Amino acid sequence: MTEWKVLAVIFGTVFLAEIGDKTQLATLLFSAEGKVGPWQVFVASAAALLLACAIGVVAGQLVAKLVSPQLLKIVAGAGFLLIGAWTLYGGLRPTA
């Protein structure tokens, strides 16, 4: 895969993962609140995302030395399935 294709795949995957998540909702709320300007919200939230991504890259490099990428994919997939099941179960329980 060419470098541009790799970058496009990573960008698309992360972009789709971020759409509608709690980070975007928090940013939306800060912006809608109007206590600070939109550029301040943008810069602060972009810096936070950059730092979070940097931590992810460093952690990924460290974990890759200890665990095979295939095992990591399986564990991550199982984790997402468990979180989804827990969310569905919690959403189906009657509230008192």
PDB file of N, CA and C in Angstrom:
ATOM      1  N   MET A   1       0.851  -1.173   0.000  1.00  0.00           N
ATOM      2  CA  MET A   1       0.000   0.000   0.000  1.00  0.00           C
ATOM      3  C   MET A   1       0.899   1.241   0.000  1.00  0.00           C
ATOM      4  N   THR A   2       0.566   2.223  -0.812  1.00  0.00           N
ATOM      5  CA  THR A   2       1.379   3.431  -0.860  1.00  0.00           C
ATOM      6  C   THR A   2       1.177   4.241   0.409  1.00  0.00           C
ATOM      7  N   GLU A   3       2.107   5.141   0.649  1.00  0.00           N
ATOM      8  CA  GLU A   3       2.055   5.959   1.863  1.00  0.00           C
ATOM      9  C   GLU A   3       0.766   6.764   1.941  1.00  0.00           C
ATOM     10  N   TRP A   4       0.312   7.317   0.812  1.00  0.00           N
ATOM     11  CA  TRP A   4      -0.913   8.116   0.816  1.00  0.00           C
ATOM     12  C   TRP A   4      -2.134   7.257   1.121  1.00  0.00           C
ATOM     13  N   LYS A   5      -2.136   6.027   0.616  1.00  0.00           N
ATOM     14  CA  LYS A   5      -3.263   5.126   0.901  1.00  0.00           C
ATOM     15  C   LYS A   5      -3.295   4.756   2.371  1.00  0.00           C
ATOM     16  N   VAL A   6      -2.118   4.502   2.945  1.00  0.00           N
ATOM     17  CA  VAL A   6      -2.042   4.183   4.378  1.00  0.00           C
ATOM     18  C   VAL A   6      -2.557   5.358   5.206  1.00  0.00           C
ATOM     19  N   LEU A   7      -2.103   6.550   4.877  1.00  0.00           N
ATOM     20  CA  LEU A   7      -2.573   7.740   5.597  1.00  0.00           C
ATOM     21  C   LEU A   7      -4.085   7.911   5.457  1.00  0.00           C
ATOM     22  N   ALA A   8      -4.609   7.669   4.270  1.00  0.00           N
ATOM     23  CA  ALA A   8      -6.050   7.807   4.043  1.00  0.00           C
ATOM     24  C   ALA A   8      -6.839   6.784   4.857  1.00  0.00           C
ATOM     25  N   VAL A   9      -6.350   5.561   4.931  1.00  0.00           N
ATOM     26  CA  VAL A   9      -7.034   4.519   5.710  1.00  0.00           C
ATOM     27  C   VAL A   9      -7.024   4.869   7.197  1.00  0.00           C
ATOM     28  N   ILE A  10      -5.868   5.296   7.703  1.00  0.00           N
ATOM     29  CA  ILE A  10      -5.780   5.676   9.120  1.00  0.00           C
ATOM     30  C   ILE A  10      -6.677   6.869   9.399  1.00  0.00           C
ATOM     31  N   PHE A  11      -6.608   7.885   8.537  1.00  0.00           N
ATOM     32  CA  PHE A  11      -7.454   9.073   8.717  1.00  0.00           C
ATOM     33  C   PHE A  11      -8.932   8.693   8.718  1.00  0.00           C
ATOM     34  N   GLY A  12      -9.345   7.932   7.728  1.00  0.00           N
ATOM     35  CA  GLY A  12     -10.758   7.556   7.623  1.00  0.00           C
ATOM     36  C   GLY A  12     -11.230   6.745   8.811  1.00  0.00           C
ATOM     37  N   THR A  13     -10.410   5.809   9.259  1.00  0.00           N
ATOM     38  CA  THR A  13     -10.783   4.978  10.393  1.00  0.00           C
ATOM     39  C   THR A  13     -10.935   5.797  11.669  1.00  0.00           C
ATOM     40  N   VAL A  14      -9.947   6.642  11.946  1.00  0.00           N
ATOM     41  CA  VAL A  14     -10.008   7.464  13.162  1.00  0.00           C
ATOM     42  C   VAL A  14     -11.135   8.488  13.054  1.00  0.00           C
ATOM     43  N   PHE A  15     -11.304   9.086  11.881  1.00  0.00           N
ATOM     44  CA  PHE A  15     -12.374  10.081  11.699  1.00  0.00           C
ATOM     45  C   PHE A  15     -13.739   9.454  11.957  1.00  0.00           C
ATOM     46  N   LEU A  16     -13.989   8.291  11.374  1.00  0.00           N
ATOM     47  CA  LEU A  16     -15.285   7.632  11.588  1.00  0.00           C
ATOM     48  C   LEU A  16     -15.472   7.223  13.047  1.00  0.00           C
ATOM     49  N   ALA A  17     -14.388   6.823  13.707  1.00  0.00           N
ATOM     50  CA  ALA A  17     -14.482   6.438  15.116  1.00  0.00           C
ATOM     51  C   ALA A  17     -14.805   7.640  15.998  1.00  0.00           C
ATOM     52  N   GLU A  18     -14.379   8.815  15.598  1.00  0.00           N
ATOM     53  CA  GLU A  18     -14.585  10.011  16.419  1.00  0.00           C
ATOM     54  C   GLU A  18     -15.949  10.671  16.205  1.00  0.00           C
ATOM     55  N   ILE A  19     -16.573  10.437  15.062  1.00  0.00           N
ATOM     56  CA  ILE A  19     -17.850  11.093  14.772  1.00  0.00           C
ATOM     57  C   ILE A  19     -18.907  10.625  15.777  1.00  0.00           C
ATOM     58  N   GLY A  20     -19.495  11.593  16.458  1.00  0.00           N
ATOM     59  CA  GLY A  20     -20.586  11.290  17.375  1.00  0.00           C
ATOM     60  C   GLY A  20     -20.162  10.685  18.702  1.00  0.00           C
ATOM     61  N   ASP A  21     -18.868  10.643  18.992  1.00  0.00           N
ATOM     62  CA  ASP A  21     -18.461  10.075  20.273  1.00  0.00           C
ATOM     63  C   ASP A  21     -18.503  11.151  21.357  1.00  0.00           C
ATOM     64  N   LYS A  22     -18.176  10.769  22.575  1.00  0.00           N
ATOM     65  CA  LYS A  22     -18.283  11.702  23.692  1.00  0.00           C
ATOM     66  C   LYS A  22     -17.335  12.888  23.562  1.00  0.00           C
ATOM     67  N   THR A  23     -16.214  12.715  22.879  1.00  0.00           N
ATOM     68  CA  THR A  23     -15.300  13.832  22.673  1.00  0.00           C
ATOM     69  C   THR A  23     -15.952  14.898  21.795  1.00  0.00           C
ATOM     70  N   GLN A  24     -16.576  14.467  20.728  1.00  0.00           N
ATOM     71  CA  GLN A  24     -17.235  15.433  19.845  1.00  0.00           C
ATOM     72  C   GLN A  24     -18.411  16.104  20.560  1.00  0.00           C
ATOM     73  N   LEU A  25     -19.146  15.341  21.335  1.00  0.00           N
ATOM     74  CA  LEU A  25     -20.274  15.921  22.064  1.00  0.00           C
ATOM     75  C   LEU A  25     -19.808  16.935  23.105  1.00  0.00           C
ATOM     76  N   ALA A  26     -18.708  16.634  23.807  1.00  0.00           N
ATOM     77  CA  ALA A  26     -18.169  17.583  24.780  1.00  0.00           C
ATOM     78  C   ALA A  26     -17.717  18.862  24.086  1.00  0.00           C
ATOM     79  N   THR A  27     -17.059  18.726  22.946  1.00  0.00           N
ATOM     80  CA  THR A  27     -16.614  19.890  22.187  1.00  0.00           C
ATOM     81  C   THR A  27     -17.810  20.714  21.723  1.00  0.00           C
ATOM     82  N   LEU A  28     -18.844  20.034  21.251  1.00  0.00           N
ATOM     83  CA  LEU A  28     -20.068  20.711  20.826  1.00  0.00           C
ATOM     84  C   LEU A  28     -20.672  21.504  21.976  1.00  0.00           C
ATOM     85  N   LEU A  29     -20.714  20.900  23.172  1.00  0.00           N
ATOM     86  CA  LEU A  29     -21.294  21.577  24.331  1.00  0.00           C
ATOM     87  C   LEU A  29     -20.470  22.789  24.751  1.00  0.00           C
ATOM     88  N   PHE A  30     -19.137  22.671  24.750  1.00  0.00           N
ATOM     89  CA  PHE A  30     -18.295  23.824  25.072  1.00  0.00           C
ATOM     90  C   PHE A  30     -18.535  24.948  24.089  1.00  0.00           C
ATOM     91  N   SER A  31     -18.653  24.623  22.817  1.00  0.00           N
ATOM     92  CA  SER A  31     -18.866  25.639  21.798  1.00  0.00           C
ATOM     93  C   SER A  31     -20.248  26.276  21.933  1.00  0.00           C
ATOM     94  N   ALA A  32     -21.255  25.445  22.180  1.00  0.00           N
ATOM     95  CA  ALA A  32     -22.624  25.951  22.295  1.00  0.00           C
ATOM     96  C   ALA A  32     -22.815  26.808  23.543  1.00  0.00           C
ATOM     97  N   GLU A  33     -22.044  26.507  24.587  1.00  0.00           N
ATOM     98  CA  GLU A  33     -22.163  27.259  25.836  1.00  0.00           C
ATOM     99  C   GLU A  33     -21.831  28.727  25.638  1.00  0.00           C
ATOM    100  N   GLY A  34     -20.898  29.015  24.737  1.00  0.00           N
ATOM    101  CA  GLY A  34     -20.587  30.383  24.366  1.00  0.00           C
ATOM    102  C   GLY A  34     -19.747  31.163  25.362  1.00  0.00           C
ATOM    103  N   LYS A  35     -19.185  30.505  26.380  1.00  0.00           N
ATOM    104  CA  LYS A  35     -18.364  31.227  27.363  1.00  0.00           C
ATOM    105  C   LYS A  35     -16.990  31.590  26.807  1.00  0.00           C
ATOM    106  N   VAL A  36     -16.545  30.840  25.805  1.00  0.00           N
ATOM    107  CA  VAL A  36     -15.279  31.139  25.125  1.00  0.00           C
ATOM    108  C   VAL A  36     -15.538  31.105  23.625  1.00  0.00           C
ATOM    109  N   GLY A  37     -14.614  31.666  22.876  1.00  0.00           N
ATOM    110  CA  GLY A  37     -14.767  31.727  21.428  1.00  0.00           C
ATOM    111  C   GLY A  37     -14.602  30.364  20.774  1.00  0.00           C
ATOM    112  N   PRO A  38     -15.156  30.211  19.575  1.00  0.00           N
ATOM    113  CA  PRO A  38     -15.062  28.925  18.878  1.00  0.00           C
ATOM    114  C   PRO A  38     -13.622  28.508  18.570  1.00  0.00           C
ATOM    115  N   TRP A  39     -12.746  29.472  18.308  1.00  0.00           N
ATOM    116  CA  TRP A  39     -11.355  29.115  18.030  1.00  0.00           C
ATOM    117  C   TRP A  39     -10.664  28.581  19.275  1.00  0.00           C
ATOM    118  N   GLN A  40     -11.012  29.122  20.444  1.00  0.00           N
ATOM    119  CA  GLN A  40     -10.445  28.594  21.688  1.00  0.00           C
ATOM    120  C   GLN A  40     -10.891  27.151  21.916  1.00  0.00           C
ATOM    121  N   VAL A  41     -12.165  26.884  21.659  1.00  0.00           N
ATOM    122  CA  VAL A  41     -12.678  25.523  21.798  1.00  0.00           C
ATOM    123  C   VAL A  41     -11.969  24.606  20.810  1.00  0.00           C
ATOM    124  N   PHE A  42     -11.826  25.062  19.565  1.00  0.00           N
ATOM    125  CA  PHE A  42     -11.176  24.248  18.542  1.00  0.00           C
ATOM    126  C   PHE A  42      -9.732  23.936  18.914  1.00  0.00           C
ATOM    127  N   VAL A  43      -8.964  24.962  19.291  1.00  0.00           N
ATOM    128  CA  VAL A  43      -7.544  24.762  19.595  1.00  0.00           C
ATOM    129  C   VAL A  43      -7.374  23.852  20.806  1.00  0.00           C
ATOM    130  N   ALA A  44      -8.146  24.097  21.860  1.00  0.00           N
ATOM    131  CA  ALA A  44      -8.020  23.285  23.069  1.00  0.00           C
ATOM    132  C   ALA A  44      -8.420  21.831  22.807  1.00  0.00           C
ATOM    133  N   SER A  45      -9.527  21.616  22.095  1.00  0.00           N
ATOM    134  CA  SER A  45      -9.959  20.241  21.832  1.00  0.00           C
ATOM    135  C   SER A  45      -9.018  19.546  20.851  1.00  0.00           C
ATOM    136  N   ALA A  46      -8.496  20.267  19.866  1.00  0.00           N
ATOM    137  CA  ALA A  46      -7.536  19.672  18.928  1.00  0.00           C
ATOM    138  C   ALA A  46      -6.243  19.284  19.651  1.00  0.00           C
ATOM    139  N   ALA A  47      -5.778  20.140  20.561  1.00  0.00           N
ATOM    140  CA  ALA A  47      -4.572  19.823  21.331  1.00  0.00           C
ATOM    141  C   ALA A  47      -4.795  18.589  22.203  1.00  0.00           C
ATOM    142  N   ALA A  48      -5.978  18.501  22.810  1.00  0.00           N
ATOM    143  CA  ALA A  48      -6.292  17.336  23.640  1.00  0.00           C
ATOM    144  C   ALA A  48      -6.307  16.060  22.799  1.00  0.00           C
ATOM    145  N   LEU A  49      -6.891  16.124  21.608  1.00  0.00           N
ATOM    146  CA  LEU A  49      -6.917  14.953  20.734  1.00  0.00           C
ATOM    147  C   LEU A  49      -5.514  14.568  20.270  1.00  0.00           C
ATOM    148  N   LEU A  50      -4.691  15.560  19.967  1.00  0.00           N
ATOM    149  CA  LEU A  50      -3.310  15.270  19.571  1.00  0.00           C
ATOM    150  C   LEU A  50      -2.548  14.564  20.692  1.00  0.00           C
ATOM    151  N   LEU A  51      -2.726  15.042  21.922  1.00  0.00           N
ATOM    152  CA  LEU A  51      -2.049  14.413  23.059  1.00  0.00           C
ATOM    153  C   LEU A  51      -2.563  12.993  23.274  1.00  0.00           C
ATOM    154  N   ALA A  52      -3.885  12.814  23.192  1.00  0.00           N
ATOM    155  CA  ALA A  52      -4.459  11.474  23.358  1.00  0.00           C
ATOM    156  C   ALA A  52      -3.937  10.524  22.278  1.00  0.00           C
ATOM    157  N   CYS A  53      -3.830  11.012  21.046  1.00  0.00           N
ATOM    158  CA  CYS A  53      -3.304  10.182  19.956  1.00  0.00           C
ATOM    159  C   CYS A  53      -1.832   9.861  20.170  1.00  0.00           C
ATOM    160  N   ALA A  54      -1.065  10.829  20.644  1.00  0.00           N
ATOM    161  CA  ALA A  54       0.352  10.587  20.919  1.00  0.00           C
ATOM    162  C   ALA A  54       0.516   9.507  21.985  1.00  0.00           C
ATOM    163  N   ILE A  55      -0.296   9.569  23.019  1.00  0.00           N
ATOM    164  CA  ILE A  55      -0.263   8.536  24.059  1.00  0.00           C
ATOM    165  C   ILE A  55      -0.619   7.181  23.455  1.00  0.00           C
ATOM    166  N   GLY A  56      -1.616   7.160  22.580  1.00  0.00           N
ATOM    167  CA  GLY A  56      -2.006   5.915  21.915  1.00  0.00           C
ATOM    168  C   GLY A  56      -0.889   5.326  21.072  1.00  0.00           C
ATOM    169  N   VAL A  57      -0.172   6.185  20.353  1.00  0.00           N
ATOM    170  CA  VAL A  57       0.930   5.714  19.507  1.00  0.00           C
ATOM    171  C   VAL A  57       2.050   5.130  20.370  1.00  0.00           C
ATOM    172  N   VAL A  58       2.425   5.845  21.422  1.00  0.00           N
ATOM    173  CA  VAL A  58       3.487   5.361  22.306  1.00  0.00           C
ATOM    174  C   VAL A  58       3.062   4.060  22.989  1.00  0.00           C
ATOM    175  N   ALA A  59       1.836   4.031  23.502  1.00  0.00           N
ATOM    176  CA  ALA A  59       1.338   2.816  24.156  1.00  0.00           C
ATOM    177  C   ALA A  59       1.286   1.660  23.157  1.00  0.00           C
ATOM    178  N   GLY A  60       0.879   1.939  21.924  1.00  0.00           N
ATOM    179  CA  GLY A  60       0.827   0.902  20.895  1.00  0.00           C
ATOM    180  C   GLY A  60       2.194   0.309  20.612  1.00  0.00           C
ATOM    181  N   GLN A  61       3.201   1.157  20.574  1.00  0.00           N
ATOM    182  CA  GLN A  61       4.563   0.677  20.341  1.00  0.00           C
ATOM    183  C   GLN A  61       5.040  -0.203  21.497  1.00  0.00           C
ATOM    184  N   LEU A  62       4.715   0.197  22.723  1.00  0.00           N
ATOM    185  CA  LEU A  62       5.116  -0.587  23.896  1.00  0.00           C
ATOM    186  C   LEU A  62       4.374  -1.923  23.956  1.00  0.00           C
ATOM    187  N   VAL A  63       3.069  -1.885  23.703  1.00  0.00           N
ATOM    188  CA  VAL A  63       2.261  -3.109  23.754  1.00  0.00           C
ATOM    189  C   VAL A  63       2.693  -4.071  22.648  1.00  0.00           C
ATOM    190  N   ALA A  64       3.044  -3.540  21.479  1.00  0.00           N
ATOM    191  CA  ALA A  64       3.448  -4.383  20.352  1.00  0.00           C
ATOM    192  C   ALA A  64       4.707  -5.184  20.668  1.00  0.00           C
ATOM    193  N   LYS A  65       5.518  -4.694  21.591  1.00  0.00           N
ATOM    194  CA  LYS A  65       6.717  -5.433  21.984  1.00  0.00           C
ATOM    195  C   LYS A  65       6.382  -6.622  22.881  1.00  0.00           C
ATOM    196  N   LEU A  66       5.213  -6.571  23.519  1.00  0.00           N
ATOM    197  CA  LEU A  66       4.825  -7.616  24.470  1.00  0.00           C
ATOM    198  C   LEU A  66       3.771  -8.569  23.933  1.00  0.00           C
ATOM    199  N   VAL A  67       2.916  -8.086  23.018  1.00  0.00           N
ATOM    200  CA  VAL A  67       1.765  -8.848  22.550  1.00  0.00           C
ATOM    201  C   VAL A  67       1.737  -8.803  21.028  1.00  0.00           C
ATOM    202  N   SER A  68       1.354  -9.900  20.399  1.00  0.00           N
ATOM    203  CA  SER A  68       1.250  -9.907  18.939  1.00  0.00           C
ATOM    204  C   SER A  68       0.073  -9.034  18.490  1.00  0.00           C
ATOM    205  N   PRO A  69       0.206  -8.383  17.341  1.00  0.00           N
ATOM    206  CA  PRO A  69      -0.893  -7.552  16.839  1.00  0.00           C
ATOM    207  C   PRO A  69      -2.202  -8.344  16.677  1.00  0.00           C
ATOM    208  N   GLN A  70      -2.109  -9.614  16.267  1.00  0.00           N
ATOM    209  CA  GLN A  70      -3.320 -10.433  16.095  1.00  0.00           C
ATOM    210  C   GLN A  70      -4.020 -10.624  17.431  1.00  0.00           C
ATOM    211  N   LEU A  71      -3.277 -10.936  18.491  1.00  0.00           N
ATOM    212  CA  LEU A  71      -3.871 -11.102  19.810  1.00  0.00           C
ATOM    213  C   LEU A  71      -4.472  -9.793  20.298  1.00  0.00           C
ATOM    214  N   LEU A  72      -3.790  -8.700  20.030  1.00  0.00           N
ATOM    215  CA  LEU A  72      -4.300  -7.384  20.421  1.00  0.00           C
ATOM    216  C   LEU A  72      -5.624  -7.081  19.731  1.00  0.00           C
ATOM    217  N   LYS A  73      -5.732  -7.418  18.433  1.00  0.00           N
ATOM    218  CA  LYS A  73      -6.998  -7.219  17.708  1.00  0.00           C
ATOM    219  C   LYS A  73      -8.113  -8.051  18.320  1.00  0.00           C
ATOM    220  N   ILE A  74      -7.809  -9.287  18.684  1.00  0.00           N
ATOM    221  CA  ILE A  74      -8.821 -10.169  19.276  1.00  0.00           C
ATOM    222  C   ILE A  74      -9.280  -9.624  20.626  1.00  0.00           C
ATOM    223  N   VAL A  75      -8.333  -9.210  21.455  1.00  0.00           N
ATOM    224  CA  VAL A  75      -8.672  -8.676  22.779  1.00  0.00           C
ATOM    225  C   VAL A  75      -9.479  -7.387  22.642  1.00  0.00           C
ATOM    226  N   ALA A  76      -9.058  -6.511  21.725  1.00  0.00           N
ATOM    227  CA  ALA A  76      -9.782  -5.253  21.526  1.00  0.00           C
ATOM    228  C   ALA A  76     -11.193  -5.518  20.997  1.00  0.00           C
ATOM    229  N   GLY A  77     -11.319  -6.426  20.048  1.00  0.00           N
ATOM    230  CA  GLY A  77     -12.640  -6.773  19.516  1.00  0.00           C
ATOM    231  C   GLY A  77     -13.540  -7.354  20.583  1.00  0.00           C
ATOM    232  N   ALA A  78     -12.999  -8.253  21.401  1.00  0.00           N
ATOM    233  CA  ALA A  78     -13.781  -8.838  22.487  1.00  0.00           C
ATOM    234  C   ALA A  78     -14.201  -7.762  23.486  1.00  0.00           C
ATOM    235  N   GLY A  79     -13.288  -6.832  23.745  1.00  0.00           N
ATOM    236  CA  GLY A  79     -13.621  -5.728  24.651  1.00  0.00           C
ATOM    237  C   GLY A  79     -14.764  -4.884  24.131  1.00  0.00           C
ATOM    238  N   PHE A  80     -14.740  -4.565  22.833  1.00  0.00           N
ATOM    239  CA  PHE A  80     -15.832  -3.792  22.238  1.00  0.00           C
ATOM    240  C   PHE A  80     -17.150  -4.562  22.304  1.00  0.00           C
ATOM    241  N   LEU A  81     -17.097  -5.861  22.038  1.00  0.00           N
ATOM    242  CA  LEU A  81     -18.316  -6.678  22.125  1.00  0.00           C
ATOM    243  C   LEU A  81     -18.866  -6.700  23.549  1.00  0.00           C
ATOM    244  N   LEU A  82     -17.980  -6.835  24.535  1.00  0.00           N
ATOM    245  CA  LEU A  82     -18.425  -6.846  25.927  1.00  0.00           C
ATOM    246  C   LEU A  82     -19.033  -5.505  26.332  1.00  0.00           C
ATOM    247  N   ILE A  83     -18.408  -4.421  25.910  1.00  0.00           N
ATOM    248  CA  ILE A  83     -18.954  -3.092  26.223  1.00  0.00           C
ATOM    249  C   ILE A  83     -20.314  -2.909  25.557  1.00  0.00           C
ATOM    250  N   GLY A  84     -20.439  -3.361  24.312  1.00  0.00           N
ATOM    251  CA  GLY A  84     -21.730  -3.275  23.620  1.00  0.00           C
ATOM    252  C   GLY A  84     -22.798  -4.093  24.313  1.00  0.00           C
ATOM    253  N   ALA A  85     -22.455  -5.313  24.723  1.00  0.00           N
ATOM    254  CA  ALA A  85     -23.422  -6.162  25.432  1.00  0.00           C
ATOM    255  C   ALA A  85     -23.809  -5.543  26.764  1.00  0.00           C
ATOM    256  N   TRP A  86     -22.829  -5.006  27.463  1.00  0.00           N
ATOM    257  CA  TRP A  86     -23.097  -4.362  28.754  1.00  0.00           C
ATOM    258  C   TRP A  86     -24.007  -3.143  28.566  1.00  0.00           C
ATOM    259  N   THR A  87     -23.755  -2.376  27.500  1.00  0.00           N
ATOM    260  CA  THR A  87     -24.586  -1.202  27.207  1.00  0.00           C
ATOM    261  C   THR A  87     -26.013  -1.626  26.880  1.00  0.00           C
ATOM    262  N   LEU A  88     -26.162  -2.655  26.042  1.00  0.00           N
ATOM    263  CA  LEU A  88     -27.499  -3.143  25.716  1.00  0.00           C
ATOM    264  C   LEU A  88     -28.207  -3.689  26.951  1.00  0.00           C
ATOM    265  N   TYR A  89     -27.498  -4.464  27.734  1.00  0.00           N
ATOM    266  CA  TYR A  89     -28.099  -5.042  28.945  1.00  0.00           C
ATOM    267  C   TYR A  89     -28.524  -3.947  29.902  1.00  0.00           C
ATOM    268  N   GLY A  90     -27.650  -2.968  30.105  1.00  0.00           N
ATOM    269  CA  GLY A  90     -27.982  -1.859  30.998  1.00  0.00           C
ATOM    270  C   GLY A  90     -29.145  -1.031  30.475  1.00  0.00           C
ATOM    271  N   GLY A  91     -29.260  -0.911  29.157  1.00  0.00           N
ATOM    272  CA  GLY A  91     -30.348  -0.141  28.572  1.00  0.00           C
ATOM    273  C   GLY A  91     -31.682  -0.871  28.581  1.00  0.00           C
ATOM    274  N   LEU A  92     -31.655  -2.207  28.728  1.00  0.00           N
ATOM    275  CA  LEU A  92     -32.879  -2.998  28.720  1.00  0.00           C
ATOM    276  C   LEU A  92     -33.439  -3.230  30.113  1.00  0.00           C
ATOM    277  N   ARG A  93     -32.629  -3.027  31.147  1.00  0.00           N
ATOM    278  CA  ARG A  93     -33.100  -3.261  32.514  1.00  0.00           C
ATOM    279  C   ARG A  93     -34.095  -2.187  32.907  1.00  0.00           C
ATOM    280  N   PRO A  94     -35.162  -2.582  33.586  1.00  0.00           N
ATOM    281  CA  PRO A  94     -36.107  -1.557  34.058  1.00  0.00           C
ATOM    282  C   PRO A  94     -35.467  -0.739  35.168  1.00  0.00           C
ATOM    283  N   THR A  95     -35.758   0.550  35.163  1.00  0.00           N
ATOM    284  CA  THR A  95     -35.232   1.417  36.206  1.00  0.00           C
ATOM    285  C   THR A  95     -36.229   1.508  37.342  1.00  0.00           C
ATOM    286  N   ALA A  96     -35.729   1.628  38.536  1.00  0.00           N
ATOM    287  CA  ALA A  96     -36.608   1.674  39.717  1.00  0.00           C
ATOM    288  C   ALA A  96     -37.068   3.068  40.010  1.00  0.00           C
TER     289      ALA A  96
END
